[in-house]
PDB file of N, CA and C in Angstrom:
ATOM      1  N   UNK A   1     -23.635  18.895 -61.634  1.00  0.00           N
ATOM      2  CA  UNK A   1     -24.757  18.011 -61.448  1.00  0.00           C
ATOM      3  C   UNK A   1     -24.958  17.284 -60.108  1.00  0.00           C
ATOM      4  N   UNK A   2     -26.015  16.935 -59.787  1.00  0.00           N
ATOM      5  CA  UNK A   2     -26.406  16.300 -58.415  1.00  0.00           C
ATOM      6  C   UNK A   2     -27.135  15.057 -58.534  1.00  0.00           C
ATOM      7  N   UNK A   3     -27.344  14.380 -57.598  1.00  0.00           N
ATOM      8  CA  UNK A   3     -28.060  13.122 -57.443  1.00  0.00           C
ATOM      9  C   UNK A   3     -27.333  11.849 -57.107  1.00  0.00           C
ATOM     10  N   UNK A   4     -28.168  10.781 -56.799  1.00  0.00           N
ATOM     11  CA  UNK A   4     -27.487   9.713 -56.530  1.00  0.00           C
ATOM     12  C   UNK A   4     -27.204   8.802 -57.473  1.00  0.00           C
ATOM     13  N   UNK A   5     -26.268   7.597 -57.187  1.00  0.00           N
ATOM     14  CA  UNK A   5     -25.868   6.728 -58.418  1.00  0.00           C
ATOM     15  C   UNK A   5     -25.511   7.454 -59.617  1.00  0.00           C
ATOM     16  N   UNK A   6     -24.712   8.179 -59.602  1.00  0.00           N
ATOM     17  CA  UNK A   6     -23.851   8.882 -60.726  1.00  0.00           C
ATOM     18  C   UNK A   6     -23.036   7.901 -61.470  1.00  0.00           C
ATOM     19  N   UNK A   7     -23.463   7.845 -62.753  1.00  0.00           N
ATOM     20  CA  UNK A   7     -22.574   6.871 -63.592  1.00  0.00           C
ATOM     21  C   UNK A   7     -21.083   6.974 -63.563  1.00  0.00           C
ATOM     22  N   UNK A   8     -20.484   5.940 -63.491  1.00  0.00           N
ATOM     23  CA  UNK A   8     -18.928   5.909 -63.240  1.00  0.00           C
ATOM     24  C   UNK A   8     -18.300   6.692 -64.162  1.00  0.00           C
ATOM     25  N   UNK A   9     -18.592   6.689 -65.430  1.00  0.00           N
ATOM     26  CA  UNK A   9     -17.871   7.558 -66.596  1.00  0.00           C
ATOM     27  C   UNK A   9     -17.971   8.808 -66.213  1.00  0.00           C
ATOM     28  N   UNK A  10     -19.120   9.235 -65.686  1.00  0.00           N
ATOM     29  CA  UNK A  10     -19.090  10.671 -65.236  1.00  0.00           C
ATOM     30  C   UNK A  10     -18.558  11.371 -64.339  1.00  0.00           C
ATOM     31  N   UNK A  11     -18.186  10.526 -63.203  1.00  0.00           N
ATOM     32  CA  UNK A  11     -17.440  10.810 -62.105  1.00  0.00           C
ATOM     33  C   UNK A  11     -15.961  10.798 -62.520  1.00  0.00           C
ATOM     34  N   UNK A  12     -15.457   9.760 -63.505  1.00  0.00           N
ATOM     35  CA  UNK A  12     -14.346   9.793 -63.866  1.00  0.00           C
ATOM     36  C   UNK A  12     -13.672  11.171 -64.645  1.00  0.00           C
ATOM     37  N   UNK A  13     -14.699  11.691 -65.132  1.00  0.00           N
ATOM     38  CA  UNK A  13     -14.479  12.998 -65.961  1.00  0.00           C
ATOM     39  C   UNK A  13     -14.704  13.973 -65.059  1.00  0.00           C
ATOM     40  N   UNK A  14     -15.184  14.115 -63.972  1.00  0.00           N
ATOM     41  CA  UNK A  14     -15.460  15.511 -63.064  1.00  0.00           C
ATOM     42  C   UNK A  14     -14.135  15.578 -62.379  1.00  0.00           C
ATOM     43  N   UNK A  15     -14.116  16.882 -62.159  1.00  0.00           N
ATOM     44  CA  UNK A  15     -13.009  17.540 -61.442  1.00  0.00           C
ATOM     45  C   UNK A  15     -13.097  17.283 -59.960  1.00  0.00           C
ATOM     46  N   UNK A  16     -14.425  17.374 -59.561  1.00  0.00           N
ATOM     47  CA  UNK A  16     -14.807  17.263 -58.074  1.00  0.00           C
ATOM     48  C   UNK A  16     -16.130  16.477 -57.621  1.00  0.00           C
ATOM     49  N   UNK A  17     -15.978  15.421 -57.045  1.00  0.00           N
ATOM     50  CA  UNK A  17     -16.972  14.470 -56.627  1.00  0.00           C
ATOM     51  C   UNK A  17     -16.926  14.395 -55.127  1.00  0.00           C
ATOM     52  N   UNK A  18     -18.239  14.755 -54.530  1.00  0.00           N
ATOM     53  CA  UNK A  18     -18.360  14.555 -53.137  1.00  0.00           C
ATOM     54  C   UNK A  18     -19.477  13.901 -52.858  1.00  0.00           C
ATOM     55  N   UNK A  19     -18.973  13.012 -51.712  1.00  0.00           N
ATOM     56  CA  UNK A  19     -20.231  12.037 -51.322  1.00  0.00           C
ATOM     57  C   UNK A  19     -20.502  12.247 -49.844  1.00  0.00           C
ATOM     58  N   UNK A  20     -21.834  12.673 -49.600  1.00  0.00           N
ATOM     59  CA  UNK A  20     -22.274  12.987 -48.091  1.00  0.00           C
ATOM     60  C   UNK A  20     -22.707  11.719 -47.729  1.00  0.00           C
ATOM     61  N   UNK A  21     -22.471  11.151 -46.354  1.00  0.00           N
ATOM     62  CA  UNK A  21     -22.709  10.019 -45.576  1.00  0.00           C
ATOM     63  C   UNK A  21     -23.495  10.646 -44.376  1.00  0.00           C
ATOM     64  N   UNK A  22     -24.462  10.105 -43.982  1.00  0.00           N
ATOM     65  CA  UNK A  22     -25.073  10.445 -42.645  1.00  0.00           C
ATOM     66  C   UNK A  22     -24.452   9.684 -41.546  1.00  0.00           C
ATOM     67  N   UNK A  23     -23.628  10.073 -40.617  1.00  0.00           N
ATOM     68  CA  UNK A  23     -22.925   9.409 -39.527  1.00  0.00           C
ATOM     69  C   UNK A  23     -23.732   9.309 -38.154  1.00  0.00           C
ATOM     70  N   UNK A  24     -24.534  10.520 -38.177  1.00  0.00           N
ATOM     71  CA  UNK A  24     -25.169  10.413 -36.885  1.00  0.00           C
ATOM     72  C   UNK A  24     -26.534  11.486 -36.990  1.00  0.00           C
ATOM     73  N   UNK A  25     -27.691  11.008 -36.645  1.00  0.00           N
ATOM     74  CA  UNK A  25     -28.723  12.047 -36.903  1.00  0.00           C
ATOM     75  C   UNK A  25     -29.785  11.889 -35.569  1.00  0.00           C
ATOM     76  N   UNK A  26     -30.179  12.897 -35.266  1.00  0.00           N
ATOM     77  CA  UNK A  26     -31.054  12.814 -33.997  1.00  0.00           C
ATOM     78  C   UNK A  26     -32.519  12.067 -34.245  1.00  0.00           C
ATOM     79  N   UNK A  27     -32.578  12.066 -35.416  1.00  0.00           N
ATOM     80  CA  UNK A  27     -34.190  11.313 -35.788  1.00  0.00           C
ATOM     81  C   UNK A  27     -33.997   9.968 -35.512  1.00  0.00           C
ATOM     82  N   UNK A  28     -32.675   9.379 -35.747  1.00  0.00           N
ATOM     83  CA  UNK A  28     -32.418   7.958 -35.440  1.00  0.00           C
ATOM     84  C   UNK A  28     -32.461   7.548 -34.208  1.00  0.00           C
ATOM     85  N   UNK A  29     -32.366   8.625 -33.034  1.00  0.00           N
ATOM     86  CA  UNK A  29     -32.241   8.492 -31.708  1.00  0.00           C
ATOM     87  C   UNK A  29     -33.706   8.677 -31.114  1.00  0.00           C
ATOM     88  N   UNK A  30     -34.876   8.961 -31.907  1.00  0.00           N
ATOM     89  CA  UNK A  30     -36.064   9.006 -31.679  1.00  0.00           C
ATOM     90  C   UNK A  30     -36.481  10.709 -31.534  1.00  0.00           C
ATOM     91  N   UNK A  31     -35.743  11.498 -31.737  1.00  0.00           N
ATOM     92  CA  UNK A  31     -35.919  12.819 -31.453  1.00  0.00           C
ATOM     93  C   UNK A  31     -36.935  13.223 -32.790  1.00  0.00           C
ATOM     94  N   UNK A  32     -38.128  13.686 -32.534  1.00  0.00           N
ATOM     95  CA  UNK A  32     -39.079  13.986 -33.617  1.00  0.00           C
ATOM     96  C   UNK A  32     -38.588  15.245 -34.422  1.00  0.00           C
ATOM     97  N   UNK A  33     -39.188  15.324 -35.866  1.00  0.00           N
ATOM     98  CA  UNK A  33     -38.723  16.351 -36.431  1.00  0.00           C
ATOM     99  C   UNK A  33     -39.410  17.795 -35.800  1.00  0.00           C
ATOM    100  N   UNK A  34     -38.924  18.929 -36.239  1.00  0.00           N
ATOM    101  CA  UNK A  34     -39.527  20.085 -35.727  1.00  0.00           C
ATOM    102  C   UNK A  34     -39.311  21.162 -36.829  1.00  0.00           C
ATOM    103  N   UNK A  35     -40.328  22.141 -36.645  1.00  0.00           N
ATOM    104  CA  UNK A  35     -40.532  23.301 -37.704  1.00  0.00           C
ATOM    105  C   UNK A  35     -39.086  24.010 -37.886  1.00  0.00           C
ATOM    106  N   UNK A  36     -38.760  24.198 -38.915  1.00  0.00           N
ATOM    107  CA  UNK A  36     -37.620  25.041 -39.246  1.00  0.00           C
ATOM    108  C   UNK A  36     -37.815  26.356 -39.746  1.00  0.00           C
ATOM    109  N   UNK A  37     -37.120  27.341 -40.159  1.00  0.00           N
ATOM    110  CA  UNK A  37     -36.953  28.439 -40.716  1.00  0.00           C
ATOM    111  C   UNK A  37     -37.442  29.254 -39.759  1.00  0.00           C
ATOM    112  N   UNK A  38     -37.733  30.713 -40.371  1.00  0.00           N
ATOM    113  CA  UNK A  38     -37.808  32.163 -39.447  1.00  0.00           C
ATOM    114  C   UNK A  38     -39.271  32.370 -39.645  1.00  0.00           C
ATOM    115  N   UNK A  39     -39.879  32.474 -38.425  1.00  0.00           N
ATOM    116  CA  UNK A  39     -41.404  33.131 -38.577  1.00  0.00           C
ATOM    117  C   UNK A  39     -41.207  34.334 -38.360  1.00  0.00           C
ATOM    118  N   UNK A  40     -42.135  35.171 -39.408  1.00  0.00           N
ATOM    119  CA  UNK A  40     -42.130  36.560 -39.257  1.00  0.00           C
ATOM    120  C   UNK A  40     -43.587  37.200 -38.766  1.00  0.00           C
TER     121      UNK A  40
END
């Protein structure tokens, strides 16, 4: 399962719970978005 605000009862029964938290991101420093991927 994925998603935010997972109900506590589900997290209690889960074997693995991961919480990703942004620590630092170039966008916050004013760096504009750039196109990703591979161009063929």
